[in-house]
Amino acid sequence: MTSATLDLTNGIGILGGTFDPIHLGHTQSAQAVANELGLTKVLLIPAHIPPHKTSATLVPHASAEQRAAMVEIACQSSKLFFCDPRELKRSGHSYTVDTLKELKQQYPEQTLYFIIGMDSLMSFTSWHQYQEILTLCHLVVNTRPNYPIEQLNKTTKALLCQHQASDISELSQDTSGRIYFAKACFFDISSTQIRQHLAQKQSGHPQLQPEISEFIHKNKLYR
């Protein structure tokens, strides 16, 4: 079943992030994962204060409300995506494990597929209660250019030895605990690069939906 698409319509994809701003790299890679796994619903969850982004240069540039508004705009043109603002309503840091616990309570019959990039996998073993995260969901990893698997630390490599799904069919055998590498789907663009582009020019960016470019221009973001 390595090349066939599974029908996991009883599962929910989850993509969290600062989304500052949300761009086609986010949505198209999540769409590719949904297509591969047969998912019909992906929650986009904007983070309030991402715990791993502590330096002043990495905290969000747009407000929580503005970032959520851009995610809502991205969802309007898709039947797959839904904006889930739960982390923005919390005070303090947004921990993935807390979000997954809430989602598991809300959707007890659904398998959760938490989508992360290869860059996030590299730091995953430093996440808050990362071992408990794997009891709540499957991890689906989007490979990215310049992040070869050889660069993973020993702890992460050991985690893969224990949890990696070698075949897509293994995801349907358990409701959590697997780490699956999605088919290569490279979108070598970052929100940082887009912000830098927008700071230098008044026009939009080809990796932004036109409606989101319009929102950014209207609200004078990233100037």
C-alpha atoms as a PDB file:
ATOM      1  CA  MET A   1       0.000   0.000   0.000  1.00  0.00           C
ATOM      2  CA  THR A   2       2.973   2.315  -0.287  1.00  0.00           C
ATOM      3  CA  SER A   3       1.666   4.072  -3.389  1.00  0.00           C
ATOM      4  CA  ALA A   4      -2.071   3.899  -2.684  1.00  0.00           C
ATOM      5  CA  THR A   5      -3.994   6.546  -0.834  1.00  0.00           C
ATOM      6  CA  LEU A   6      -5.602   5.388   2.378  1.00  0.00           C
ATOM      7  CA  ASP A   7      -9.136   6.418   3.213  1.00  0.00           C
ATOM      8  CA  LEU A   8      -8.666   8.014   6.617  1.00  0.00           C
ATOM      9  CA  THR A   9     -11.845  10.086   6.584  1.00  0.00           C
ATOM     10  CA  ASN A  10     -12.240   9.326  10.277  1.00  0.00           C
ATOM     11  CA  GLY A  11      -9.034  11.250  10.893  1.00  0.00           C
ATOM     12  CA  ILE A  12      -8.249  14.948  11.278  1.00  0.00           C
ATOM     13  CA  GLY A  13      -5.097  16.666  10.085  1.00  0.00           C
ATOM     14  CA  ILE A  14      -3.648  19.378  12.315  1.00  0.00           C
ATOM     15  CA  LEU A  15      -1.224  22.080  11.236  1.00  0.00           C
ATOM     16  CA  GLY A  16      -0.113  24.561  13.854  1.00  0.00           C
ATOM     17  CA  GLY A  17       2.104  27.569  13.380  1.00  0.00           C
ATOM     18  CA  THR A  18       2.604  31.251  13.889  1.00  0.00           C
ATOM     19  CA  PHE A  19       1.192  31.888  10.379  1.00  0.00           C
ATOM     20  CA  ASP A  20       2.847  35.294  10.239  1.00  0.00           C
ATOM     21  CA  PRO A  21       1.634  35.330   7.487  1.00  0.00           C
ATOM     22  CA  ILE A  22       0.075  32.079   6.293  1.00  0.00           C
ATOM     23  CA  HIS A  23       1.274  31.285   2.759  1.00  0.00           C
ATOM     24  CA  LEU A  24       0.963  28.694   0.005  1.00  0.00           C
ATOM     25  CA  GLY A  25       3.849  26.697   1.436  1.00  0.00           C
ATOM     26  CA  HIS A  26       1.643  26.037   4.481  1.00  0.00           C
ATOM     27  CA  THR A  27      -1.574  25.253   2.664  1.00  0.00           C
ATOM     28  CA  GLN A  28      -0.204  23.374  -0.345  1.00  0.00           C
ATOM     29  CA  SER A  29       1.986  21.078   1.767  1.00  0.00           C
ATOM     30  CA  ALA A  30      -0.956  20.370   4.097  1.00  0.00           C
ATOM     31  CA  GLN A  31      -3.155  19.743   1.043  1.00  0.00           C
ATOM     32  CA  ALA A  32      -0.570  17.252  -0.268  1.00  0.00           C
ATOM     33  CA  VAL A  33      -0.569  15.395   3.071  1.00  0.00           C
ATOM     34  CA  ALA A  34      -4.378  15.314   3.092  1.00  0.00           C
ATOM     35  CA  ASN A  35      -4.387  13.948  -0.457  1.00  0.00           C
ATOM     36  CA  GLU A  36      -1.841  11.266   0.423  1.00  0.00           C
ATOM     37  CA  LEU A  37      -3.654  10.137   3.572  1.00  0.00           C
ATOM     38  CA  GLY A  38      -7.194  10.605   2.295  1.00  0.00           C
ATOM     39  CA  LEU A  39      -8.061  13.192   4.967  1.00  0.00           C
ATOM     40  CA  THR A  40     -11.067  15.442   4.424  1.00  0.00           C
ATOM     41  CA  LYS A  41     -10.454  17.885   7.297  1.00  0.00           C
ATOM     42  CA  VAL A  42      -7.354  19.803   8.359  1.00  0.00           C
ATOM     43  CA  LEU A  43      -7.378  22.213  11.291  1.00  0.00           C
ATOM     44  CA  LEU A  44      -5.116  25.252  10.968  1.00  0.00           C
ATOM     45  CA  ILE A  45      -4.207  26.364  14.487  1.00  0.00           C
ATOM     46  CA  PRO A  46      -2.495  29.750  14.870  1.00  0.00           C
ATOM     47  CA  ALA A  47      -0.210  29.810  17.914  1.00  0.00           C
ATOM     48  CA  HIS A  48      -0.564  32.531  20.540  1.00  0.00           C
ATOM     49  CA  ILE A  49       2.984  32.600  21.902  1.00  0.00           C
ATOM     50  CA  PRO A  50       5.022  29.773  20.351  1.00  0.00           C
ATOM     51  CA  PRO A  51       7.234  28.390  23.178  1.00  0.00           C
ATOM     52  CA  HIS A  52      10.179  27.751  20.822  1.00  0.00           C
ATOM     53  CA  LYS A  53      10.216  31.337  19.531  1.00  0.00           C
ATOM     54  CA  THR A  54      11.641  33.373  22.353  1.00  0.00           C
ATOM     55  CA  SER A  55      13.950  35.902  20.730  1.00  0.00           C
ATOM     56  CA  ALA A  56      12.541  39.351  19.980  1.00  0.00           C
ATOM     57  CA  THR A  57      13.186  38.801  16.285  1.00  0.00           C
ATOM     58  CA  LEU A  58      11.074  35.636  16.191  1.00  0.00           C
ATOM     59  CA  VAL A  59       7.934  36.641  18.059  1.00  0.00           C
ATOM     60  CA  PRO A  60       4.918  37.377  15.836  1.00  0.00           C
ATOM     61  CA  HIS A  61       4.950  40.592  13.834  1.00  0.00           C
ATOM     62  CA  ALA A  62       1.191  40.701  13.235  1.00  0.00           C
ATOM     63  CA  SER A  63      -1.252  40.570  16.138  1.00  0.00           C
ATOM     64  CA  ALA A  64      -3.032  37.365  17.119  1.00  0.00           C
ATOM     65  CA  GLU A  65      -6.270  38.739  15.660  1.00  0.00           C
ATOM     66  CA  GLN A  66      -4.593  39.636  12.363  1.00  0.00           C
ATOM     67  CA  ARG A  67      -2.902  36.245  12.042  1.00  0.00           C
ATOM     68  CA  ALA A  68      -6.198  34.476  12.774  1.00  0.00           C
ATOM     69  CA  ALA A  69      -7.945  36.676  10.216  1.00  0.00           C
ATOM     70  CA  MET A  70      -5.412  35.663   7.558  1.00  0.00           C
ATOM     71  CA  VAL A  71      -5.922  31.976   8.405  1.00  0.00           C
ATOM     72  CA  GLU A  72      -9.690  32.479   8.130  1.00  0.00           C
ATOM     73  CA  ILE A  73      -9.169  34.007   4.677  1.00  0.00           C
ATOM     74  CA  ALA A  74      -7.081  30.988   3.643  1.00  0.00           C
ATOM     75  CA  CYS A  75      -9.901  28.676   4.788  1.00  0.00           C
ATOM     76  CA  GLN A  76     -12.636  30.497   2.870  1.00  0.00           C
ATOM     77  CA  SER A  77     -11.528  29.139  -0.496  1.00  0.00           C
ATOM     78  CA  SER A  78     -11.139  25.535   0.703  1.00  0.00           C
ATOM     79  CA  LYS A  79     -13.461  22.802   1.947  1.00  0.00           C
ATOM     80  CA  LEU A  80     -10.465  21.075   3.542  1.00  0.00           C
ATOM     81  CA  PHE A  81      -9.200  23.759   5.935  1.00  0.00           C
ATOM     82  CA  PHE A  82     -10.786  25.048   9.140  1.00  0.00           C
ATOM     83  CA  CYS A  83      -9.372  27.749  11.407  1.00  0.00           C
ATOM     84  CA  ASP A  84      -9.148  26.638  15.041  1.00  0.00           C
ATOM     85  CA  PRO A  85      -8.369  29.649  17.270  1.00  0.00           C
ATOM     86  CA  ARG A  86      -8.194  27.795  20.610  1.00  0.00           C
ATOM     87  CA  GLU A  87      -4.532  28.603  21.262  1.00  0.00           C
ATOM     88  CA  LEU A  88      -5.132  32.323  20.767  1.00  0.00           C
ATOM     89  CA  LYS A  89      -7.672  32.231  23.601  1.00  0.00           C
ATOM     90  CA  ARG A  90      -5.127  30.914  26.099  1.00  0.00           C
ATOM     91  CA  SER A  91      -2.895  33.020  28.263  1.00  0.00           C
ATOM     92  CA  GLY A  92       0.802  32.249  28.237  1.00  0.00           C
ATOM     93  CA  HIS A  93       2.606  29.810  25.977  1.00  0.00           C
ATOM     94  CA  SER A  94       0.818  27.469  23.575  1.00  0.00           C
ATOM     95  CA  TYR A  95       1.891  23.887  24.179  1.00  0.00           C
ATOM     96  CA  THR A  96       1.094  21.327  21.509  1.00  0.00           C
ATOM     97  CA  VAL A  97       0.379  18.632  24.084  1.00  0.00           C
ATOM     98  CA  ASP A  98      -2.395  20.747  25.665  1.00  0.00           C
ATOM     99  CA  THR A  99      -3.975  21.404  22.282  1.00  0.00           C
ATOM    100  CA  LEU A 100      -3.911  17.717  21.388  1.00  0.00           C
ATOM    101  CA  LYS A 101      -5.493  16.747  24.718  1.00  0.00           C
ATOM    102  CA  GLU A 102      -8.345  19.184  24.058  1.00  0.00           C
ATOM    103  CA  LEU A 103      -8.803  17.925  20.500  1.00  0.00           C
ATOM    104  CA  LYS A 104      -8.805  14.302  21.687  1.00  0.00           C
ATOM    105  CA  GLN A 105     -11.606  15.156  24.110  1.00  0.00           C
ATOM    106  CA  GLN A 106     -13.527  17.024  21.408  1.00  0.00           C
ATOM    107  CA  TYR A 107     -13.063  14.325  18.760  1.00  0.00           C
ATOM    108  CA  PRO A 108     -12.754  11.051  20.733  1.00  0.00           C
ATOM    109  CA  GLU A 109     -13.572   8.871  17.724  1.00  0.00           C
ATOM    110  CA  GLN A 110     -11.086  10.552  15.382  1.00  0.00           C
ATOM    111  CA  THR A 111      -7.429   9.762  14.809  1.00  0.00           C
ATOM    112  CA  LEU A 112      -5.307  12.918  14.910  1.00  0.00           C
ATOM    113  CA  TYR A 113      -2.526  13.483  12.366  1.00  0.00           C
ATOM    114  CA  PHE A 114      -0.209  16.263  13.525  1.00  0.00           C
ATOM    115  CA  ILE A 115       1.648  17.712  10.539  1.00  0.00           C
ATOM    116  CA  ILE A 116       5.112  19.152  11.145  1.00  0.00           C
ATOM    117  CA  GLY A 117       8.052  20.165   8.990  1.00  0.00           C
ATOM    118  CA  MET A 118      11.431  18.481   9.007  1.00  0.00           C
ATOM    119  CA  ASP A 119      12.806  21.534  10.825  1.00  0.00           C
ATOM    120  CA  SER A 120      10.320  20.928  13.658  1.00  0.00           C
ATOM    121  CA  LEU A 121      11.201  17.227  13.851  1.00  0.00           C
ATOM    122  CA  MET A 122      14.810  18.261  14.444  1.00  0.00           C
ATOM    123  CA  SER A 123      13.771  19.978  17.685  1.00  0.00           C
ATOM    124  CA  PHE A 124      10.829  17.709  18.555  1.00  0.00           C
ATOM    125  CA  THR A 125      12.575  15.939  21.450  1.00  0.00           C
ATOM    126  CA  SER A 126      12.965  19.323  23.170  1.00  0.00           C
ATOM    127  CA  TRP A 127       9.214  20.024  23.017  1.00  0.00           C
ATOM    128  CA  HIS A 128       7.165  20.104  26.213  1.00  0.00           C
ATOM    129  CA  GLN A 129       6.078  16.522  27.042  1.00  0.00           C
ATOM    130  CA  TYR A 130       6.983  15.302  23.562  1.00  0.00           C
ATOM    131  CA  GLN A 131       6.565  11.654  24.550  1.00  0.00           C
ATOM    132  CA  GLU A 132       2.967  12.290  25.588  1.00  0.00           C
ATOM    133  CA  ILE A 133       2.330  13.982  22.231  1.00  0.00           C
ATOM    134  CA  LEU A 134       2.930  10.624  20.557  1.00  0.00           C
ATOM    135  CA  THR A 135       0.248   9.006  22.749  1.00  0.00           C
ATOM    136  CA  LEU A 136      -2.317  11.456  21.344  1.00  0.00           C
ATOM    137  CA  CYS A 137      -1.595  11.505  17.603  1.00  0.00           C
ATOM    138  CA  HIS A 138       0.455  10.303  14.684  1.00  0.00           C
ATOM    139  CA  LEU A 139       3.201  12.676  13.533  1.00  0.00           C
ATOM    140  CA  VAL A 140       3.278  13.319   9.792  1.00  0.00           C
ATOM    141  CA  VAL A 141       6.546  14.913   8.722  1.00  0.00           C
ATOM    142  CA  ASN A 142       6.874  17.091   5.642  1.00  0.00           C
ATOM    143  CA  THR A 143      10.431  16.840   4.389  1.00  0.00           C
ATOM    144  CA  ARG A 144      12.060  20.153   3.500  1.00  0.00           C
ATOM    145  CA  PRO A 145      15.101  21.135   1.454  1.00  0.00           C
ATOM    146  CA  ASN A 146      18.282  21.661   3.486  1.00  0.00           C
ATOM    147  CA  TYR A 147      17.037  19.472   6.351  1.00  0.00           C
ATOM    148  CA  PRO A 148      18.480  15.990   5.632  1.00  0.00           C
ATOM    149  CA  ILE A 149      17.487  13.187   7.978  1.00  0.00           C
ATOM    150  CA  GLU A 150      21.179  12.582   8.692  1.00  0.00           C
ATOM    151  CA  GLN A 151      21.245  15.829  10.686  1.00  0.00           C
ATOM    152  CA  LEU A 152      18.770  14.550  13.279  1.00  0.00           C
ATOM    153  CA  ASN A 153      20.218  14.217  16.786  1.00  0.00           C
ATOM    154  CA  LYS A 154      20.703  10.835  18.452  1.00  0.00           C
ATOM    155  CA  THR A 155      17.576  11.159  20.601  1.00  0.00           C
ATOM    156  CA  THR A 156      15.389  11.833  17.559  1.00  0.00           C
ATOM    157  CA  LYS A 157      16.986   9.002  15.595  1.00  0.00           C
ATOM    158  CA  ALA A 158      16.249   6.664  18.517  1.00  0.00           C
ATOM    159  CA  LEU A 159      12.665   7.922  18.562  1.00  0.00           C
ATOM    160  CA  LEU A 160      12.346   7.115  14.856  1.00  0.00           C
ATOM    161  CA  CYS A 161      13.686   3.613  15.404  1.00  0.00           C
ATOM    162  CA  GLN A 162      10.868   3.050  17.868  1.00  0.00           C
ATOM    163  CA  HIS A 163       7.996   4.915  16.201  1.00  0.00           C
ATOM    164  CA  GLN A 164       8.597   5.389  12.469  1.00  0.00           C
ATOM    165  CA  ALA A 165       5.963   3.929  10.150  1.00  0.00           C
ATOM    166  CA  SER A 166       7.773   2.324   7.238  1.00  0.00           C
ATOM    167  CA  ASP A 167       4.524   2.023   5.287  1.00  0.00           C
ATOM    168  CA  ILE A 168       1.468   4.252   5.087  1.00  0.00           C
ATOM    169  CA  SER A 169      -0.805   1.316   5.957  1.00  0.00           C
ATOM    170  CA  GLU A 170       0.673   1.248   9.477  1.00  0.00           C
ATOM    171  CA  LEU A 171      -1.140   4.503  10.262  1.00  0.00           C
ATOM    172  CA  SER A 172      -4.481   2.698  10.222  1.00  0.00           C
ATOM    173  CA  GLN A 173      -3.290  -0.002  12.633  1.00  0.00           C
ATOM    174  CA  ASP A 174      -3.004   2.345  15.642  1.00  0.00           C
ATOM    175  CA  THR A 175      -4.691   5.577  16.681  1.00  0.00           C
ATOM    176  CA  SER A 176      -1.412   7.214  17.744  1.00  0.00           C
ATOM    177  CA  GLY A 177       2.294   6.738  18.186  1.00  0.00           C
ATOM    178  CA  ARG A 178       3.580   6.561  14.609  1.00  0.00           C
ATOM    179  CA  ILE A 179       5.924   8.956  12.833  1.00  0.00           C
ATOM    180  CA  TYR A 180       5.334   8.964   9.090  1.00  0.00           C
ATOM    181  CA  PHE A 181       7.356  10.792   6.449  1.00  0.00           C
ATOM    182  CA  ALA A 182       5.003  12.152   3.801  1.00  0.00           C
ATOM    183  CA  LYS A 183       5.911  12.044   0.138  1.00  0.00           C
ATOM    184  CA  ALA A 184       8.380  14.759  -0.800  1.00  0.00           C
ATOM    185  CA  CYS A 185       6.546  18.019  -1.452  1.00  0.00           C
ATOM    186  CA  PHE A 186       9.043  20.856  -1.462  1.00  0.00           C
ATOM    187  CA  PHE A 187       7.961  24.453  -0.872  1.00  0.00           C
ATOM    188  CA  ASP A 188      11.191  26.237  -0.049  1.00  0.00           C
ATOM    189  CA  ILE A 189       9.632  29.447   1.225  1.00  0.00           C
ATOM    190  CA  SER A 190       9.288  30.856   4.719  1.00  0.00           C
ATOM    191  CA  SER A 191       7.190  33.520   6.385  1.00  0.00           C
ATOM    192  CA  THR A 192      10.438  35.308   7.266  1.00  0.00           C
ATOM    193  CA  GLN A 193      11.382  35.570   3.581  1.00  0.00           C
ATOM    194  CA  ILE A 194       7.902  36.818   2.712  1.00  0.00           C
ATOM    195  CA  ARG A 195       8.022  39.476   5.450  1.00  0.00           C
ATOM    196  CA  GLN A 196      11.413  40.636   4.188  1.00  0.00           C
ATOM    197  CA  HIS A 197      10.021  40.845   0.648  1.00  0.00           C
ATOM    198  CA  LEU A 198       6.989  42.829   1.801  1.00  0.00           C
ATOM    199  CA  ALA A 199       9.171  45.177   3.862  1.00  0.00           C
ATOM    200  CA  GLN A 200      11.094  46.106   0.704  1.00  0.00           C
ATOM    201  CA  LYS A 201       8.163  46.323  -1.698  1.00  0.00           C
ATOM    202  CA  GLN A 202       4.571  47.503  -1.556  1.00  0.00           C
ATOM    203  CA  SER A 203       3.286  44.700  -3.790  1.00  0.00           C
ATOM    204  CA  GLY A 204       2.192  41.245  -2.679  1.00  0.00           C
ATOM    205  CA  HIS A 205       4.148  38.011  -2.918  1.00  0.00           C
ATOM    206  CA  PRO A 206       3.545  35.087  -5.322  1.00  0.00           C
ATOM    207  CA  GLN A 207       3.388  32.663  -2.370  1.00  0.00           C
ATOM    208  CA  LEU A 208       0.471  34.578  -0.821  1.00  0.00           C
ATOM    209  CA  GLN A 209      -3.169  34.259  -1.788  1.00  0.00           C
ATOM    210  CA  PRO A 210      -4.260  37.557  -3.414  1.00  0.00           C
ATOM    211  CA  GLU A 211      -6.880  38.050  -0.675  1.00  0.00           C
ATOM    212  CA  ILE A 212      -4.198  37.734   1.996  1.00  0.00           C
ATOM    213  CA  SER A 213      -1.913  40.157   0.141  1.00  0.00           C
ATOM    214  CA  GLU A 214      -4.841  42.578   0.078  1.00  0.00           C
ATOM    215  CA  PHE A 215      -5.409  42.135   3.828  1.00  0.00           C
ATOM    216  CA  ILE A 216      -1.708  42.763   4.531  1.00  0.00           C
ATOM    217  CA  HIS A 217      -1.691  45.894   2.356  1.00  0.00           C
ATOM    218  CA  LYS A 218      -4.931  47.207   3.865  1.00  0.00           C
ATOM    219  CA  ASN A 219      -3.650  46.729   7.431  1.00  0.00           C
ATOM    220  CA  LYS A 220      -0.125  48.037   6.624  1.00  0.00           C
ATOM    221  CA  LEU A 221       1.549  44.867   7.953  1.00  0.00           C
ATOM    222  CA  TYR A 222       5.246  44.020   7.667  1.00  0.00           C
ATOM    223  CA  ARG A 223       6.254  47.497   6.535  1.00  0.00           C
END
